[in-house]
């Protein structure tokens, strides 16, 4: 029980750090876009970069992502990691209370 709570707290901490990092990027790009004193080429490039930010940068999209890789598909919720990462850690015995059955 304690380990599960600790993992959840760790996961939330990682997600908050990623969100803050991406939010700072968004704010910087937004300030560049609206600054009239900067060259139009630089502003256009900043607008291009802002539109190409991943949709996973939003806080509502970050809760079902892998802690290590950032993938949002094939997540095992018990470990908050992608299936491939769980397999890798299970084979090296770095995950506690896991047994390999078919890997």
N, C-alpha and C. Protein backbone atom coordinates (compact mmCIF):
# COMPACT_ATOMS: atom_id res chain seq x y z
N UNK A 1 0.83 -1.19 0.00
CA UNK A 1 0.00 0.00 0.00
C UNK A 1 0.88 1.26 0.00
N UNK A 2 1.89 1.27 0.86
CA UNK A 2 2.78 2.42 0.95
C UNK A 2 3.53 2.62 -0.35
N UNK A 3 3.99 1.52 -0.97
CA UNK A 3 4.73 1.61 -2.22
C UNK A 3 3.86 2.17 -3.34
N UNK A 4 2.59 1.73 -3.38
CA UNK A 4 1.67 2.21 -4.41
C UNK A 4 1.43 3.71 -4.25
N UNK A 5 1.26 4.16 -3.02
CA UNK A 5 1.05 5.59 -2.77
C UNK A 5 2.29 6.39 -3.14
N UNK A 6 3.46 5.83 -2.84
CA UNK A 6 4.72 6.50 -3.17
C UNK A 6 4.89 6.61 -4.69
N UNK A 7 4.52 5.54 -5.43
CA UNK A 7 4.61 5.57 -6.89
C UNK A 7 3.66 6.60 -7.47
N UNK A 8 2.44 6.68 -6.91
CA UNK A 8 1.47 7.67 -7.41
C UNK A 8 1.98 9.09 -7.18
N UNK A 9 2.56 9.34 -6.00
CA UNK A 9 3.10 10.66 -5.72
C UNK A 9 4.25 10.99 -6.67
N UNK A 10 5.10 10.00 -6.96
CA UNK A 10 6.22 10.18 -7.88
C UNK A 10 5.71 10.49 -9.28
N UNK A 11 4.68 9.77 -9.70
CA UNK A 11 4.12 9.98 -11.02
C UNK A 11 3.54 11.38 -11.15
N UNK A 12 2.81 11.83 -10.14
CA UNK A 12 2.22 13.15 -10.18
C UNK A 12 3.31 14.22 -10.19
N UNK A 13 4.38 14.01 -9.45
CA UNK A 13 5.48 14.96 -9.43
C UNK A 13 6.13 15.08 -10.80
N UNK A 14 6.37 13.95 -11.46
CA UNK A 14 6.95 13.96 -12.81
C UNK A 14 6.03 14.69 -13.79
N UNK A 15 4.72 14.41 -13.71
CA UNK A 15 3.78 15.05 -14.61
C UNK A 15 3.74 16.55 -14.41
N UNK A 16 3.79 16.98 -13.16
CA UNK A 16 3.78 18.42 -12.88
C UNK A 16 5.04 19.09 -13.42
N UNK A 17 6.18 18.43 -13.26
CA UNK A 17 7.43 19.00 -13.79
C UNK A 17 7.37 19.13 -15.30
N UNK A 18 6.87 18.09 -15.97
CA UNK A 18 6.75 18.15 -17.44
C UNK A 18 5.78 19.24 -17.86
N UNK A 19 4.67 19.36 -17.13
CA UNK A 19 3.68 20.38 -17.48
C UNK A 19 4.27 21.78 -17.33
N UNK A 20 5.01 22.02 -16.24
CA UNK A 20 5.60 23.34 -16.01
C UNK A 20 6.62 23.65 -17.11
N UNK A 21 7.44 22.66 -17.47
CA UNK A 21 8.43 22.86 -18.52
C UNK A 21 7.76 23.23 -19.85
N UNK A 22 6.70 22.51 -20.20
CA UNK A 22 6.00 22.78 -21.45
C UNK A 22 5.23 24.09 -21.39
N UNK A 23 4.72 24.43 -20.22
CA UNK A 23 3.98 25.68 -20.08
C UNK A 23 4.91 26.88 -20.25
N UNK A 24 6.13 26.77 -19.73
CA UNK A 24 7.11 27.85 -19.91
C UNK A 24 7.45 28.00 -21.40
N UNK A 25 7.61 26.86 -22.10
CA UNK A 25 7.86 26.92 -23.55
C UNK A 25 6.73 27.64 -24.27
N UNK A 26 5.50 27.30 -23.92
CA UNK A 26 4.35 27.93 -24.56
C UNK A 26 4.32 29.43 -24.32
N UNK A 27 4.60 29.84 -23.08
CA UNK A 27 4.57 31.26 -22.75
C UNK A 27 5.66 32.04 -23.48
N UNK A 28 6.84 31.45 -23.59
CA UNK A 28 7.93 32.12 -24.30
C UNK A 28 7.59 32.27 -25.78
N UNK A 29 7.07 31.20 -26.38
CA UNK A 29 6.69 31.28 -27.80
C UNK A 29 5.58 32.30 -28.01
N UNK A 30 4.63 32.33 -27.09
CA UNK A 30 3.53 33.28 -27.21
C UNK A 30 4.03 34.71 -27.11
N UNK A 31 4.98 34.96 -26.21
CA UNK A 31 5.50 36.31 -26.07
C UNK A 31 6.30 36.72 -27.32
N UNK A 32 6.99 35.78 -27.93
CA UNK A 32 7.72 36.07 -29.17
C UNK A 32 6.75 36.39 -30.30
N UNK A 33 5.66 35.63 -30.37
CA UNK A 33 4.68 35.83 -31.44
C UNK A 33 4.04 37.21 -31.37
N UNK A 34 3.71 37.67 -30.16
CA UNK A 34 3.01 38.95 -30.02
C UNK A 34 3.93 40.16 -29.89
N UNK A 35 5.24 39.94 -29.87
CA UNK A 35 6.17 41.06 -29.76
C UNK A 35 6.35 41.68 -31.16
N UNK A 36 5.98 42.95 -31.29
CA UNK A 36 6.03 43.62 -32.58
C UNK A 36 7.44 44.09 -32.95
N UNK A 37 8.36 44.10 -32.00
CA UNK A 37 9.70 44.60 -32.26
C UNK A 37 10.63 43.54 -32.86
N UNK A 38 10.19 42.30 -32.87
CA UNK A 38 11.01 41.19 -33.40
C UNK A 38 10.72 41.05 -34.90
N UNK A 39 11.72 40.57 -35.62
CA UNK A 39 11.58 40.39 -37.07
C UNK A 39 10.41 39.44 -37.38
N UNK A 40 9.74 39.66 -38.51
CA UNK A 40 8.60 38.80 -38.88
C UNK A 40 8.99 37.33 -39.11
N UNK A 41 10.23 37.09 -39.59
CA UNK A 41 10.66 35.71 -39.82
C UNK A 41 10.75 34.94 -38.49
N UNK A 42 11.28 35.61 -37.48
CA UNK A 42 11.42 34.97 -36.17
C UNK A 42 10.05 34.73 -35.56
N UNK A 43 9.15 35.69 -35.72
CA UNK A 43 7.80 35.53 -35.20
C UNK A 43 7.06 34.39 -35.91
N UNK A 44 7.25 34.29 -37.21
CA UNK A 44 6.60 33.22 -37.97
C UNK A 44 7.14 31.85 -37.55
N UNK A 45 8.46 31.80 -37.30
CA UNK A 45 9.05 30.53 -36.85
C UNK A 45 8.53 30.15 -35.47
N UNK A 46 8.37 31.14 -34.59
CA UNK A 46 7.84 30.86 -33.25
C UNK A 46 6.40 30.38 -33.34
N UNK A 47 5.63 30.95 -34.27
CA UNK A 47 4.25 30.51 -34.44
C UNK A 47 4.21 29.08 -34.98
N UNK A 48 5.12 28.76 -35.89
CA UNK A 48 5.22 27.39 -36.41
C UNK A 48 5.54 26.40 -35.30
N UNK A 49 6.51 26.77 -34.44
CA UNK A 49 6.89 25.89 -33.33
C UNK A 49 5.75 25.71 -32.34
N UNK A 50 4.99 26.78 -32.11
CA UNK A 50 3.88 26.69 -31.16
C UNK A 50 2.78 25.77 -31.68
N UNK A 51 2.51 25.84 -32.97
CA UNK A 51 1.47 24.98 -33.54
C UNK A 51 1.89 23.53 -33.59
N UNK A 52 3.19 23.27 -33.63
CA UNK A 52 3.68 21.90 -33.71
C UNK A 52 4.00 21.29 -32.34
N UNK A 53 3.65 21.97 -31.26
CA UNK A 53 3.82 21.35 -29.94
C UNK A 53 2.89 20.16 -29.84
N UNK A 54 3.34 19.15 -29.17
CA UNK A 54 2.53 17.94 -29.05
C UNK A 54 1.27 18.20 -28.24
N UNK A 55 0.21 17.47 -28.56
CA UNK A 55 -1.01 17.61 -27.79
C UNK A 55 -0.86 17.03 -26.39
N UNK A 56 0.21 16.27 -26.16
CA UNK A 56 0.42 15.69 -24.83
C UNK A 56 0.98 16.70 -23.85
N UNK A 57 1.23 17.93 -24.30
CA UNK A 57 1.73 18.94 -23.38
C UNK A 57 0.63 19.49 -22.49
N UNK A 58 -0.62 19.25 -22.82
CA UNK A 58 -1.72 19.71 -21.98
C UNK A 58 -1.79 18.85 -20.73
N UNK A 59 -2.20 19.45 -19.62
CA UNK A 59 -2.20 18.74 -18.35
C UNK A 59 -3.21 17.59 -18.36
N UNK A 60 -4.32 17.74 -19.06
CA UNK A 60 -5.32 16.67 -19.08
C UNK A 60 -4.86 15.47 -19.90
N UNK A 61 -3.88 15.64 -20.77
CA UNK A 61 -3.39 14.55 -21.60
C UNK A 61 -2.21 13.81 -20.97
N UNK A 62 -1.69 14.30 -19.86
CA UNK A 62 -0.47 13.73 -19.32
C UNK A 62 -0.70 12.60 -18.33
N UNK A 63 -1.93 12.33 -17.94
CA UNK A 63 -2.14 11.39 -16.85
C UNK A 63 -2.08 9.94 -17.26
N UNK A 64 -2.08 9.63 -18.53
CA UNK A 64 -1.97 8.24 -18.95
C UNK A 64 -0.74 8.09 -19.83
N UNK A 65 0.40 8.56 -19.33
CA UNK A 65 1.64 8.47 -20.08
C UNK A 65 2.69 7.72 -19.26
N UNK A 66 3.66 7.18 -19.96
CA UNK A 66 4.75 6.47 -19.31
C UNK A 66 5.66 7.47 -18.60
N UNK A 67 6.10 7.12 -17.41
CA UNK A 67 6.96 8.02 -16.64
C UNK A 67 8.33 8.15 -17.30
N UNK A 68 8.84 7.06 -17.83
CA UNK A 68 10.21 7.07 -18.36
C UNK A 68 10.29 7.55 -19.80
N UNK A 69 9.39 7.07 -20.64
CA UNK A 69 9.51 7.38 -22.07
C UNK A 69 8.56 8.46 -22.55
N UNK A 70 7.46 8.68 -21.86
CA UNK A 70 6.48 9.67 -22.28
C UNK A 70 5.47 9.13 -23.28
N UNK A 71 5.51 7.84 -23.57
CA UNK A 71 4.55 7.26 -24.50
C UNK A 71 3.16 7.26 -23.87
N UNK A 72 2.13 7.32 -24.72
CA UNK A 72 0.77 7.29 -24.20
C UNK A 72 -0.01 6.08 -24.67
N UNK A 73 0.67 5.12 -25.29
CA UNK A 73 0.01 3.89 -25.71
C UNK A 73 0.66 2.71 -25.00
N UNK A 74 -0.11 1.66 -24.83
CA UNK A 74 0.32 0.42 -24.18
C UNK A 74 0.88 0.66 -22.78
N UNK A 75 0.13 1.40 -21.97
CA UNK A 75 0.54 1.73 -20.61
C UNK A 75 -0.04 0.70 -19.65
N UNK A 76 0.78 0.20 -18.75
CA UNK A 76 0.31 -0.65 -17.67
C UNK A 76 0.13 0.26 -16.46
N UNK A 77 -1.13 0.45 -16.06
CA UNK A 77 -1.44 1.45 -15.05
C UNK A 77 -0.85 1.13 -13.68
N UNK A 78 -0.64 -0.13 -13.38
CA UNK A 78 -0.10 -0.50 -12.08
C UNK A 78 1.30 0.08 -11.89
N UNK A 79 2.08 0.13 -12.96
CA UNK A 79 3.46 0.63 -12.88
C UNK A 79 3.62 2.02 -13.48
N UNK A 80 2.61 2.51 -14.17
CA UNK A 80 2.65 3.81 -14.87
C UNK A 80 3.79 3.84 -15.89
N UNK A 81 4.00 2.72 -16.52
CA UNK A 81 5.05 2.61 -17.52
C UNK A 81 4.52 1.86 -18.75
N UNK A 82 5.23 2.04 -19.85
CA UNK A 82 4.87 1.35 -21.08
C UNK A 82 5.19 -0.14 -20.94
N UNK A 83 4.51 -0.92 -21.75
CA UNK A 83 4.65 -2.38 -21.70
C UNK A 83 6.09 -2.81 -21.93
N UNK A 84 6.79 -2.18 -22.86
CA UNK A 84 8.16 -2.56 -23.17
C UNK A 84 9.10 -2.24 -22.01
N UNK A 85 8.87 -1.13 -21.33
CA UNK A 85 9.71 -0.74 -20.19
C UNK A 85 9.50 -1.69 -19.03
N UNK A 86 8.24 -2.09 -18.80
CA UNK A 86 7.97 -3.05 -17.72
C UNK A 86 8.66 -4.37 -18.01
N UNK A 87 8.63 -4.80 -19.27
CA UNK A 87 9.31 -6.04 -19.65
C UNK A 87 10.81 -5.94 -19.41
N UNK A 88 11.40 -4.80 -19.79
CA UNK A 88 12.83 -4.61 -19.62
C UNK A 88 13.21 -4.64 -18.13
N UNK A 89 12.43 -3.95 -17.30
CA UNK A 89 12.73 -3.92 -15.87
C UNK A 89 12.47 -5.28 -15.20
N UNK A 90 11.47 -5.98 -15.69
CA UNK A 90 11.15 -7.29 -15.10
C UNK A 90 12.24 -8.32 -15.40
N UNK A 91 12.84 -8.24 -16.56
CA UNK A 91 13.89 -9.20 -16.89
C UNK A 91 15.17 -8.94 -16.10
N UNK A 92 15.39 -7.69 -15.70
CA UNK A 92 16.59 -7.37 -14.91
C UNK A 92 16.31 -7.38 -13.41
N UNK A 93 15.07 -7.78 -13.02
CA UNK A 93 14.65 -7.86 -11.62
C UNK A 93 14.75 -6.52 -10.88
N UNK A 94 14.53 -5.43 -11.57
CA UNK A 94 14.55 -4.14 -10.90
C UNK A 94 13.17 -3.71 -10.41
N UNK A 95 12.11 -4.39 -10.86
CA UNK A 95 10.77 -4.16 -10.33
C UNK A 95 10.49 -5.18 -9.24
N UNK A 96 10.07 -4.71 -8.09
CA UNK A 96 9.79 -5.63 -6.99
C UNK A 96 8.44 -6.29 -7.18
N UNK A 97 8.31 -7.48 -6.68
CA UNK A 97 7.07 -8.26 -6.69
C UNK A 97 6.54 -8.53 -8.10
N UNK A 98 7.42 -8.75 -9.04
CA UNK A 98 7.01 -9.12 -10.39
C UNK A 98 7.65 -10.41 -10.80
N UNK A 99 6.90 -11.22 -11.51
CA UNK A 99 7.43 -12.48 -12.02
C UNK A 99 7.18 -12.52 -13.52
N UNK A 100 8.12 -13.09 -14.22
CA UNK A 100 8.02 -13.22 -15.67
C UNK A 100 7.37 -14.57 -15.98
N UNK A 101 6.26 -14.50 -16.73
CA UNK A 101 5.58 -15.74 -17.09
C UNK A 101 5.83 -16.11 -18.54
N UNK A 102 5.54 -15.20 -19.44
CA UNK A 102 5.66 -15.54 -20.86
C UNK A 102 6.71 -14.74 -21.59
N UNK A 103 7.44 -13.91 -20.91
CA UNK A 103 8.45 -13.10 -21.58
C UNK A 103 9.70 -13.89 -21.61
